[in-house]
Amino acid sequence: MYAKELRELSTDELRHRLPETRRELFNLRQQWFAGSLQDENRIRAVRKDVARILTLLRERELMQEMVQVGETPLSKGETA
């Protein structure tokens, strides 16, 4: 899944998708160890999906903290 598609999801949807994606990764690893995995590149793709979801959740968490403190989040291209 692309980051652009994930950004369109709500935080609750991302939190719901994270355990599903981790479960998929777990199942793929089991298939790999059993020798029945068809597409070995899928493990890498799912690992990256997990990382993307975690990154987006962290970004949103930091944005909320900044709003609570009263700071304005930087836009793309701005520097501190």
Foldseek 3Di string as FASTA:
>chain_A
DDLVVVVPDDLVVLVVVLVVLVVVLVVQVVCVVVVNRDDPCVNVVSVVVNVSSVVVNVVVVVCVVCVVVPHDDDDPPDDD
